[in-house]
C-alpha atoms as a PDB file:
ATOM      1  CA  UNK A   1       0.218  -0.198  -0.251  1.00  0.00           C
ATOM      2  CA  UNK A   2       1.805   3.254  -1.205  1.00  0.00           C
ATOM      3  CA  UNK A   3       2.254   5.513   1.791  1.00  0.00           C
ATOM      4  CA  UNK A   4       0.880   8.645   1.858  1.00  0.00           C
ATOM      5  CA  UNK A   5       2.344  12.406   3.931  1.00  0.00           C
ATOM      6  CA  UNK A   6      -0.219  14.053   5.990  1.00  0.00           C
ATOM      7  CA  UNK A   7       0.858  17.402   6.445  1.00  0.00           C
ATOM      8  CA  UNK A   8       0.978  18.467   9.530  1.00  0.00           C
ATOM      9  CA  UNK A   9      -1.255  21.572  10.415  1.00  0.00           C
ATOM     10  CA  UNK A  10       0.059  25.219  10.669  1.00  0.00           C
ATOM     11  CA  UNK A  11      -0.224  26.872  14.397  1.00  0.00           C
ATOM     12  CA  UNK A  12      -1.830  29.954  14.321  1.00  0.00           C
ATOM     13  CA  UNK A  13       0.725  32.573  16.080  1.00  0.00           C
ATOM     14  CA  UNK A  14      -1.570  35.583  14.905  1.00  0.00           C
ATOM     15  CA  UNK A  15      -2.474  36.263  18.746  1.00  0.00           C
ATOM     16  CA  UNK A  16       0.834  35.052  20.066  1.00  0.00           C
ATOM     17  CA  UNK A  17       1.543  38.662  20.468  1.00  0.00           C
ATOM     18  CA  UNK A  18      -1.324  39.582  22.135  1.00  0.00           C
ATOM     19  CA  UNK A  19      -0.771  36.603  24.815  1.00  0.00           C
ATOM     20  CA  UNK A  20       2.370  37.700  25.451  1.00  0.00           C
ATOM     21  CA  UNK A  21       1.903  41.086  25.896  1.00  0.00           C
ATOM     22  CA  UNK A  22      -1.048  41.039  28.690  1.00  0.00           C
ATOM     23  CA  UNK A  23       1.516  38.568  29.840  1.00  0.00           C
ATOM     24  CA  UNK A  24       4.100  41.887  30.550  1.00  0.00           C
ATOM     25  CA  UNK A  25       1.214  43.756  32.186  1.00  0.00           C
ATOM     26  CA  UNK A  26       0.099  41.249  34.318  1.00  0.00           C
ATOM     27  CA  UNK A  27       3.853  40.510  35.804  1.00  0.00           C
ATOM     28  CA  UNK A  28       4.386  44.291  35.408  1.00  0.00           C
ATOM     29  CA  UNK A  29       1.211  45.029  37.688  1.00  0.00           C
ATOM     30  CA  UNK A  30       1.287  42.082  40.245  1.00  0.00           C
ATOM     31  CA  UNK A  31       5.221  42.420  40.855  1.00  0.00           C
ATOM     32  CA  UNK A  32       7.248  44.821  43.513  1.00  0.00           C
ATOM     33  CA  UNK A  33      10.323  46.426  42.613  1.00  0.00           C
ATOM     34  CA  UNK A  34      13.032  47.549  44.805  1.00  0.00           C
ATOM     35  CA  UNK A  35      12.982  52.008  44.990  1.00  0.00           C
ATOM     36  CA  UNK A  36      16.140  53.473  46.264  1.00  0.00           C
ATOM     37  CA  UNK A  37      15.893  55.294  48.838  1.00  0.00           C
ATOM     38  CA  UNK A  38      16.989  58.815  48.191  1.00  0.00           C
ATOM     39  CA  UNK A  39      15.988  62.611  49.046  1.00  0.00           C
ATOM     40  CA  UNK A  40      13.455  64.979  47.314  1.00  0.00           C
ATOM     41  CA  UNK A  41      15.122  68.368  46.657  1.00  0.00           C
ATOM     42  CA  UNK A  42      14.093  70.971  44.339  1.00  0.00           C
ATOM     43  CA  UNK A  43      17.401  73.183  43.524  1.00  0.00           C
ATOM     44  CA  UNK A  44      16.894  76.865  43.763  1.00  0.00           C
ATOM     45  CA  UNK A  45      17.220  78.443  40.336  1.00  0.00           C
ATOM     46  CA  UNK A  46      20.550  80.079  39.058  1.00  0.00           C
ATOM     47  CA  UNK A  47      21.727  83.322  39.674  1.00  0.00           C
ATOM     48  CA  UNK A  48      21.296  85.406  36.986  1.00  0.00           C
ATOM     49  CA  UNK A  49      25.647  86.690  36.549  1.00  0.00           C
ATOM     50  CA  UNK A  50      28.368  86.129  38.415  1.00  0.00           C
ATOM     51  CA  UNK A  51      27.680  89.625  40.282  1.00  0.00           C
ATOM     52  CA  UNK A  52      25.405  88.070  41.930  1.00  0.00           C
ATOM     53  CA  UNK A  53      26.405  84.653  42.904  1.00  0.00           C
ATOM     54  CA  UNK A  54      29.408  86.546  44.212  1.00  0.00           C
ATOM     55  CA  UNK A  55      27.535  89.202  46.255  1.00  0.00           C
ATOM     56  CA  UNK A  56      25.829  86.166  48.225  1.00  0.00           C
ATOM     57  CA  UNK A  57      27.444  86.622  51.986  1.00  0.00           C
ATOM     58  CA  UNK A  58      26.021  84.690  54.995  1.00  0.00           C
ATOM     59  CA  UNK A  59      27.141  86.219  58.342  1.00  0.00           C
ATOM     60  CA  UNK A  60      28.733  83.371  60.851  1.00  0.00           C
ATOM     61  CA  UNK A  61      24.685  83.598  62.756  1.00  0.00           C
ATOM     62  CA  UNK A  62      23.044  83.049  60.611  1.00  0.00           C
ATOM     63  CA  UNK A  63      25.044  79.977  59.188  1.00  0.00           C
ATOM     64  CA  UNK A  64      24.403  76.265  61.399  1.00  0.00           C
ATOM     65  CA  UNK A  65      27.040  73.502  60.626  1.00  0.00           C
ATOM     66  CA  UNK A  66      26.028  70.184  60.072  1.00  0.00           C
ATOM     67  CA  UNK A  67      29.349  67.638  59.482  1.00  0.00           C
ATOM     68  CA  UNK A  68      29.166  64.173  59.271  1.00  0.00           C
ATOM     69  CA  UNK A  69      33.064  62.769  59.125  1.00  0.00           C
ATOM     70  CA  UNK A  70      34.483  59.195  58.186  1.00  0.00           C
ATOM     71  CA  UNK A  71      33.492  57.571  61.541  1.00  0.00           C
ATOM     72  CA  UNK A  72      29.773  58.477  60.838  1.00  0.00           C
ATOM     73  CA  UNK A  73      30.025  61.333  64.157  1.00  0.00           C
ATOM     74  CA  UNK A  74      27.419  64.441  63.508  1.00  0.00           C
ATOM     75  CA  UNK A  75      28.749  67.641  64.618  1.00  0.00           C
ATOM     76  CA  UNK A  76      26.237  70.643  64.217  1.00  0.00           C
ATOM     77  CA  UNK A  77      27.943  73.873  65.407  1.00  0.00           C
ATOM     78  CA  UNK A  78      26.394  77.430  65.433  1.00  0.00           C
ATOM     79  CA  UNK A  79      27.396  80.671  67.431  1.00  0.00           C
ATOM     80  CA  UNK A  80      26.197  79.151  70.744  1.00  0.00           C
ATOM     81  CA  UNK A  81      28.147  76.097  70.939  1.00  0.00           C
ATOM     82  CA  UNK A  82      28.786  72.796  69.485  1.00  0.00           C
ATOM     83  CA  UNK A  83      26.601  69.420  69.742  1.00  0.00           C
ATOM     84  CA  UNK A  84      27.908  65.966  68.698  1.00  0.00           C
ATOM     85  CA  UNK A  85      26.330  62.901  68.050  1.00  0.00           C
ATOM     86  CA  UNK A  86      28.225  59.559  68.348  1.00  0.00           C
ATOM     87  CA  UNK A  87      26.073  57.929  65.687  1.00  0.00           C
ATOM     88  CA  UNK A  88      23.027  58.130  63.654  1.00  0.00           C
ATOM     89  CA  UNK A  89      20.854  56.655  66.394  1.00  0.00           C
ATOM     90  CA  UNK A  90      21.663  59.378  68.619  1.00  0.00           C
ATOM     91  CA  UNK A  91      20.249  62.167  66.314  1.00  0.00           C
ATOM     92  CA  UNK A  92      16.686  61.717  67.977  1.00  0.00           C
ATOM     93  CA  UNK A  93      17.567  62.282  71.159  1.00  0.00           C
ATOM     94  CA  UNK A  94      19.766  60.359  73.706  1.00  0.00           C
ATOM     95  CA  UNK A  95      23.014  60.065  75.922  1.00  0.00           C
ATOM     96  CA  UNK A  96      22.568  63.866  77.059  1.00  0.00           C
ATOM     97  CA  UNK A  97      21.839  65.491  73.946  1.00  0.00           C
ATOM     98  CA  UNK A  98      18.817  66.986  72.200  1.00  0.00           C
ATOM     99  CA  UNK A  99      17.391  65.739  69.166  1.00  0.00           C
ATOM    100  CA  UNK A 100      18.989  67.202  66.339  1.00  0.00           C
ATOM    101  CA  UNK A 101      15.492  68.664  65.294  1.00  0.00           C
ATOM    102  CA  UNK A 102      15.269  70.436  68.156  1.00  0.00           C
ATOM    103  CA  UNK A 103      18.222  72.103  67.321  1.00  0.00           C
ATOM    104  CA  UNK A 104      17.681  72.708  63.824  1.00  0.00           C
ATOM    105  CA  UNK A 105      13.875  74.246  65.500  1.00  0.00           C
ATOM    106  CA  UNK A 106      15.721  76.983  67.927  1.00  0.00           C
ATOM    107  CA  UNK A 107      17.879  77.943  64.905  1.00  0.00           C
ATOM    108  CA  UNK A 108      15.004  78.275  62.676  1.00  0.00           C
ATOM    109  CA  UNK A 109      12.989  80.733  65.405  1.00  0.00           C
ATOM    110  CA  UNK A 110      15.547  81.938  67.653  1.00  0.00           C
ATOM    111  CA  UNK A 111      12.500  82.397  70.293  1.00  0.00           C
ATOM    112  CA  UNK A 112      15.037  84.182  72.604  1.00  0.00           C
ATOM    113  CA  UNK A 113      16.276  86.553  70.165  1.00  0.00           C
ATOM    114  CA  UNK A 114      19.865  85.738  70.499  1.00  0.00           C
ATOM    115  CA  UNK A 115      22.526  88.129  68.928  1.00  0.00           C
ATOM    116  CA  UNK A 116      24.213  84.646  68.257  1.00  0.00           C
ATOM    117  CA  UNK A 117      21.814  82.882  66.358  1.00  0.00           C
ATOM    118  CA  UNK A 118      20.028  84.061  62.824  1.00  0.00           C
ATOM    119  CA  UNK A 119      18.671  87.834  62.696  1.00  0.00           C
ATOM    120  CA  UNK A 120      14.741  88.227  63.458  1.00  0.00           C
ATOM    121  CA  UNK A 121      13.248  90.587  60.648  1.00  0.00           C
ATOM    122  CA  UNK A 122       9.689  91.618  60.521  1.00  0.00           C
ATOM    123  CA  UNK A 123       8.119  90.597  57.419  1.00  0.00           C
ATOM    124  CA  UNK A 124       4.568  90.680  55.937  1.00  0.00           C
ATOM    125  CA  UNK A 125       3.092  87.161  55.200  1.00  0.00           C
ATOM    126  CA  UNK A 126      -0.496  88.562  54.787  1.00  0.00           C
ATOM    127  CA  UNK A 127      -4.088  87.610  56.350  1.00  0.00           C
ATOM    128  CA  UNK A 128      -4.129  85.266  58.945  1.00  0.00           C
ATOM    129  CA  UNK A 129      -0.705  85.640  59.716  1.00  0.00           C
ATOM    130  CA  UNK A 130       0.426  89.161  59.371  1.00  0.00           C
ATOM    131  CA  UNK A 131       3.561  90.702  60.125  1.00  0.00           C
ATOM    132  CA  UNK A 132       5.816  88.745  62.206  1.00  0.00           C
ATOM    133  CA  UNK A 133       9.332  88.418  62.460  1.00  0.00           C
ATOM    134  CA  UNK A 134      11.502  85.395  60.996  1.00  0.00           C
ATOM    135  CA  UNK A 135      15.046  84.770  60.372  1.00  0.00           C
ATOM    136  CA  UNK A 136      14.775  84.773  56.424  1.00  0.00           C
ATOM    137  CA  UNK A 137      18.836  84.558  56.036  1.00  0.00           C
ATOM    138  CA  UNK A 138      19.984  81.321  58.110  1.00  0.00           C
ATOM    139  CA  UNK A 139      21.191  78.456  56.365  1.00  0.00           C
ATOM    140  CA  UNK A 140      21.481  75.424  56.994  1.00  0.00           C
ATOM    141  CA  UNK A 141      25.006  73.711  55.603  1.00  0.00           C
ATOM    142  CA  UNK A 142      25.152  69.551  55.985  1.00  0.00           C
ATOM    143  CA  UNK A 143      28.449  68.614  54.712  1.00  0.00           C
ATOM    144  CA  UNK A 144      29.975  65.104  54.950  1.00  0.00           C
ATOM    145  CA  UNK A 145      33.283  63.144  54.225  1.00  0.00           C
ATOM    146  CA  UNK A 146      33.487  61.317  50.999  1.00  0.00           C
ATOM    147  CA  UNK A 147      33.306  57.902  52.825  1.00  0.00           C
ATOM    148  CA  UNK A 148      30.662  58.991  54.922  1.00  0.00           C
ATOM    149  CA  UNK A 149      27.975  55.848  55.536  1.00  0.00           C
ATOM    150  CA  UNK A 150      24.997  56.356  53.494  1.00  0.00           C
ATOM    151  CA  UNK A 151      22.407  55.826  55.978  1.00  0.00           C
ATOM    152  CA  UNK A 152      24.268  58.504  58.204  1.00  0.00           C
ATOM    153  CA  UNK A 153      23.589  60.717  55.109  1.00  0.00           C
ATOM    154  CA  UNK A 154      19.992  60.194  54.772  1.00  0.00           C
ATOM    155  CA  UNK A 155      19.886  60.088  58.728  1.00  0.00           C
ATOM    156  CA  UNK A 156      20.719  63.825  58.852  1.00  0.00           C
ATOM    157  CA  UNK A 157      18.776  64.954  56.240  1.00  0.00           C
ATOM    158  CA  UNK A 158      15.717  63.333  57.351  1.00  0.00           C
ATOM    159  CA  UNK A 159      16.395  65.028  60.851  1.00  0.00           C
ATOM    160  CA  UNK A 160      16.497  68.443  58.630  1.00  0.00           C
ATOM    161  CA  UNK A 161      13.327  67.600  57.016  1.00  0.00           C
ATOM    162  CA  UNK A 162      11.389  66.497  59.896  1.00  0.00           C
ATOM    163  CA  UNK A 163      12.178  69.822  61.867  1.00  0.00           C
ATOM    164  CA  UNK A 164      11.087  72.160  59.121  1.00  0.00           C
ATOM    165  CA  UNK A 165       8.078  70.048  58.732  1.00  0.00           C
ATOM    166  CA  UNK A 166       7.209  70.051  62.322  1.00  0.00           C
ATOM    167  CA  UNK A 167       7.680  73.677  61.901  1.00  0.00           C
ATOM    168  CA  UNK A 168       5.199  73.738  59.118  1.00  0.00           C
ATOM    169  CA  UNK A 169       2.698  72.003  61.031  1.00  0.00           C
ATOM    170  CA  UNK A 170       2.503  74.092  64.244  1.00  0.00           C
ATOM    171  CA  UNK A 171       2.067  76.988  62.151  1.00  0.00           C
ATOM    172  CA  UNK A 172      -0.731  75.796  60.074  1.00  0.00           C
ATOM    173  CA  UNK A 173      -2.366  74.791  63.772  1.00  0.00           C
ATOM    174  CA  UNK A 174      -1.663  78.227  65.264  1.00  0.00           C
ATOM    175  CA  UNK A 175      -2.675  80.371  62.208  1.00  0.00           C
ATOM    176  CA  UNK A 176      -5.314  77.911  60.287  1.00  0.00           C
ATOM    177  CA  UNK A 177      -6.157  75.958  63.009  1.00  0.00           C
ATOM    178  CA  UNK A 178      -5.614  72.956  60.946  1.00  0.00           C
ATOM    179  CA  UNK A 179      -2.483  70.473  59.778  1.00  0.00           C
ATOM    180  CA  UNK A 180      -0.553  71.317  57.159  1.00  0.00           C
ATOM    181  CA  UNK A 181      -1.129  69.007  54.596  1.00  0.00           C
ATOM    182  CA  UNK A 182      -4.987  69.766  54.867  1.00  0.00           C
ATOM    183  CA  UNK A 183      -4.028  73.475  53.801  1.00  0.00           C
ATOM    184  CA  UNK A 184      -4.873  75.010  50.621  1.00  0.00           C
ATOM    185  CA  UNK A 185      -2.278  75.695  47.521  1.00  0.00           C
ATOM    186  CA  UNK A 186      -2.461  79.303  48.803  1.00  0.00           C
ATOM    187  CA  UNK A 187      -2.074  78.884  52.551  1.00  0.00           C
ATOM    188  CA  UNK A 188       0.445  75.988  52.113  1.00  0.00           C
ATOM    189  CA  UNK A 189       2.408  78.808  50.018  1.00  0.00           C
ATOM    190  CA  UNK A 190       2.393  81.392  53.116  1.00  0.00           C
ATOM    191  CA  UNK A 191       3.459  78.846  56.066  1.00  0.00           C
ATOM    192  CA  UNK A 192       6.305  77.809  53.067  1.00  0.00           C
ATOM    193  CA  UNK A 193       7.462  81.683  53.347  1.00  0.00           C
ATOM    194  CA  UNK A 194       6.922  81.816  56.910  1.00  0.00           C
ATOM    195  CA  UNK A 195       9.153  78.623  57.372  1.00  0.00           C
ATOM    196  CA  UNK A 196      11.489  78.124  53.377  1.00  0.00           C
ATOM    197  CA  UNK A 197      13.968  74.819  53.678  1.00  0.00           C
ATOM    198  CA  UNK A 198      17.435  77.178  53.435  1.00  0.00           C
ATOM    199  CA  UNK A 199      19.423  73.988  53.344  1.00  0.00           C
ATOM    200  CA  UNK A 200      23.012  74.046  51.765  1.00  0.00           C
ATOM    201  CA  UNK A 201      24.937  70.645  50.265  1.00  0.00           C
ATOM    202  CA  UNK A 202      28.682  71.028  50.278  1.00  0.00           C
ATOM    203  CA  UNK A 203      30.527  68.203  47.925  1.00  0.00           C
ATOM    204  CA  UNK A 204      32.209  65.690  49.813  1.00  0.00           C
ATOM    205  CA  UNK A 205      35.627  66.164  51.150  1.00  0.00           C
ATOM    206  CA  UNK A 206      38.056  64.185  53.421  1.00  0.00           C
ATOM    207  CA  UNK A 207      38.029  65.494  56.889  1.00  0.00           C
ATOM    208  CA  UNK A 208      39.898  63.167  58.698  1.00  0.00           C
ATOM    209  CA  UNK A 209      39.636  59.743  60.631  1.00  0.00           C
ATOM    210  CA  UNK A 210      39.593  57.131  58.401  1.00  0.00           C
ATOM    211  CA  UNK A 211      41.862  57.288  55.588  1.00  0.00           C
END
């Protein structure tokens, strides 16, 4: 009997692209991806010219220096004195030291009108805040060693931002009777202008310690 060659029917692959796309979408939606820890920062606008850049002058009383060395020790210094934290776990208070966020808040507020802290200048922020004295020229300078542990750097940044967040929440409740997050856009701008984040970050350097 003669053999008959049966032809294998071809597979219909016209829908394979659609199936692959649906599977890709599914895995993208249900998969969890690692997110790098970092800091949200809005950079100030660049100076218009070199003359404007050279005219920036920060008086010593208006400057709070936060230094993180190669041993991950944190030094916070202004004209009133120096606070030393042995490691990042001490930043929230302990070992006889005041919490770093409270040091920052007192520096920004200067409630005692100390000549060693930023100068108080009266400014009008509009109703209901009105004209109040603020340290509009204060600067917090964060400097770290080239070998500083990243977690220590982030911890310092978090404490500085926490201080500003607390100040803004306190201001929102004082002047608007609610939390900062519940304010309108215009109200938030008033509070932001009242407590502006004036943070300067220097390029990492070798400040001593481990080589």
